[in-house]
Amino acid sequence: MSGADEELLRRSFRIAGHQTSLSMERAFWDEFRRMAQADGRSMTDLIAEIDNRRTAGLSRAVRVYILNRLQARAHEQGETS
């Protein structure tokens, strides 16, 4: 991972009528943006969905969501290869 990928970035969103911010490394933001685009959704919509299901901090919940999606994709590719 390059230094730029490790840079911690804070982004603000309005979810459920309140302003919130998330801090994640650039690499996570880039991947999360790709996932939202692939789903045809905004990042805000996807974050709101994760926020409704989370049991821990929001930034952590988003990172775990990203990891789970990447693992599922890798598993699917492994089964079809």
C-alpha atoms as a PDB file:
ATOM      1  CA  MET A   1       0.000   0.000   0.000  1.00  0.00           C
ATOM      2  CA  SER A   2       1.408   3.390  -0.945  1.00  0.00           C
ATOM      3  CA  GLY A   3       1.573   6.345   1.423  1.00  0.00           C
ATOM      4  CA  ALA A   4      -1.300   8.038  -0.408  1.00  0.00           C
ATOM      5  CA  ASP A   5      -3.499   4.946   0.104  1.00  0.00           C
ATOM      6  CA  GLU A   6      -2.777   5.075   3.835  1.00  0.00           C
ATOM      7  CA  GLU A   7      -3.732   8.741   4.194  1.00  0.00           C
ATOM      8  CA  LEU A   8      -6.652   9.134   6.620  1.00  0.00           C
ATOM      9  CA  LEU A   9      -9.503  11.127   5.095  1.00  0.00           C
ATOM     10  CA  ARG A  10     -12.623  12.462   6.789  1.00  0.00           C
ATOM     11  CA  ARG A  11     -15.859  12.724   4.810  1.00  0.00           C
ATOM     12  CA  SER A  12     -19.145  14.210   6.026  1.00  0.00           C
ATOM     13  CA  PHE A  13     -22.611  12.853   5.252  1.00  0.00           C
ATOM     14  CA  ARG A  14     -26.181  13.614   6.264  1.00  0.00           C
ATOM     15  CA  ILE A  15     -27.806  10.385   7.435  1.00  0.00           C
ATOM     16  CA  ALA A  16     -31.223  10.019   9.071  1.00  0.00           C
ATOM     17  CA  GLY A  17     -31.499  13.781   9.379  1.00  0.00           C
ATOM     18  CA  HIS A  18     -28.199  14.328  11.157  1.00  0.00           C
ATOM     19  CA  GLN A  19     -24.699  15.205  10.011  1.00  0.00           C
ATOM     20  CA  THR A  20     -22.031  12.599  10.617  1.00  0.00           C
ATOM     21  CA  SER A  21     -18.462  12.120   9.503  1.00  0.00           C
ATOM     22  CA  LEU A  22     -16.343   9.069   8.828  1.00  0.00           C
ATOM     23  CA  SER A  23     -12.589   8.715   8.839  1.00  0.00           C
ATOM     24  CA  MET A  24     -11.018   6.008   6.707  1.00  0.00           C
ATOM     25  CA  GLU A  25      -7.896   5.532   4.679  1.00  0.00           C
ATOM     26  CA  ARG A  26      -8.010   6.648   1.049  1.00  0.00           C
ATOM     27  CA  ALA A  27      -7.844   3.029  -0.155  1.00  0.00           C
ATOM     28  CA  PHE A  28     -11.066   2.236   1.736  1.00  0.00           C
ATOM     29  CA  TRP A  29     -12.818   5.346   0.367  1.00  0.00           C
ATOM     30  CA  ASP A  30     -11.787   4.453  -3.181  1.00  0.00           C
ATOM     31  CA  GLU A  31     -13.087   0.901  -2.850  1.00  0.00           C
ATOM     32  CA  PHE A  32     -16.294   2.024  -1.131  1.00  0.00           C
ATOM     33  CA  ARG A  33     -16.959   4.507  -3.945  1.00  0.00           C
ATOM     34  CA  ARG A  34     -16.490   1.710  -6.521  1.00  0.00           C
ATOM     35  CA  MET A  35     -18.909  -0.535  -4.618  1.00  0.00           C
ATOM     36  CA  ALA A  36     -21.586   2.164  -4.416  1.00  0.00           C
ATOM     37  CA  GLN A  37     -21.206   2.904  -8.138  1.00  0.00           C
ATOM     38  CA  ALA A  38     -21.394  -0.796  -9.002  1.00  0.00           C
ATOM     39  CA  ASP A  39     -24.661  -0.988  -7.028  1.00  0.00           C
ATOM     40  CA  GLY A  40     -26.020   2.145  -8.721  1.00  0.00           C
ATOM     41  CA  ARG A  41     -26.278   3.873  -5.349  1.00  0.00           C
ATOM     42  CA  SER A  42     -24.812   6.904  -3.676  1.00  0.00           C
ATOM     43  CA  MET A  43     -22.260   6.460  -0.927  1.00  0.00           C
ATOM     44  CA  THR A  44     -24.696   8.222   1.409  1.00  0.00           C
ATOM     45  CA  ASP A  45     -27.410   5.642   0.711  1.00  0.00           C
ATOM     46  CA  LEU A  46     -25.014   2.776   1.304  1.00  0.00           C
ATOM     47  CA  ILE A  47     -23.690   4.342   4.513  1.00  0.00           C
ATOM     48  CA  ALA A  48     -27.268   4.835   5.764  1.00  0.00           C
ATOM     49  CA  GLU A  49     -27.959   1.124   5.172  1.00  0.00           C
ATOM     50  CA  ILE A  50     -24.798   0.135   7.051  1.00  0.00           C
ATOM     51  CA  ASP A  51     -25.661   2.611   9.829  1.00  0.00           C
ATOM     52  CA  ASN A  52     -29.053   0.928  10.343  1.00  0.00           C
ATOM     53  CA  ARG A  53     -27.449  -2.506  10.830  1.00  0.00           C
ATOM     54  CA  ARG A  54     -24.295  -1.672  12.735  1.00  0.00           C
ATOM     55  CA  THR A  55     -23.443  -2.667  16.295  1.00  0.00           C
ATOM     56  CA  ALA A  56     -20.108  -0.818  16.490  1.00  0.00           C
ATOM     57  CA  GLY A  57     -18.680   2.506  15.363  1.00  0.00           C
ATOM     58  CA  LEU A  58     -19.733   3.621  11.899  1.00  0.00           C
ATOM     59  CA  SER A  59     -16.235   3.874  10.404  1.00  0.00           C
ATOM     60  CA  ARG A  60     -15.460   0.376  11.639  1.00  0.00           C
ATOM     61  CA  ALA A  61     -18.782  -0.943  10.316  1.00  0.00           C
ATOM     62  CA  VAL A  62     -18.073   0.514   6.860  1.00  0.00           C
ATOM     63  CA  ARG A  63     -14.572  -0.988   6.762  1.00  0.00           C
ATOM     64  CA  VAL A  64     -15.947  -4.408   7.768  1.00  0.00           C
ATOM     65  CA  TYR A  65     -18.653  -4.073   5.081  1.00  0.00           C
ATOM     66  CA  ILE A  66     -15.951  -3.379   2.477  1.00  0.00           C
ATOM     67  CA  LEU A  67     -13.895  -6.351   3.658  1.00  0.00           C
ATOM     68  CA  ASN A  68     -16.909  -8.675   3.574  1.00  0.00           C
ATOM     69  CA  ARG A  69     -17.789  -7.631   0.008  1.00  0.00           C
ATOM     70  CA  LEU A  70     -14.215  -8.101  -1.169  1.00  0.00           C
ATOM     71  CA  GLN A  71     -14.040 -11.532   0.480  1.00  0.00           C
ATOM     72  CA  ALA A  72     -17.357 -12.563  -1.112  1.00  0.00           C
ATOM     73  CA  ARG A  73     -16.100 -11.435  -4.525  1.00  0.00           C
ATOM     74  CA  ALA A  74     -12.850 -13.360  -4.093  1.00  0.00           C
ATOM     75  CA  HIS A  75     -14.783 -16.455  -3.023  1.00  0.00           C
ATOM     76  CA  GLU A  76     -17.103 -16.208  -6.041  1.00  0.00           C
ATOM     77  CA  GLN A  77     -14.154 -15.810  -8.402  1.00  0.00           C
ATOM     78  CA  GLY A  78     -12.421 -18.781  -6.816  1.00  0.00           C
ATOM     79  CA  GLU A  79     -15.469 -20.988  -7.358  1.00  0.00           C
ATOM     80  CA  THR A  80     -15.889 -19.982 -10.994  1.00  0.00           C
ATOM     81  CA  SER A  81     -12.222 -20.189 -11.955  1.00  0.00           C
END
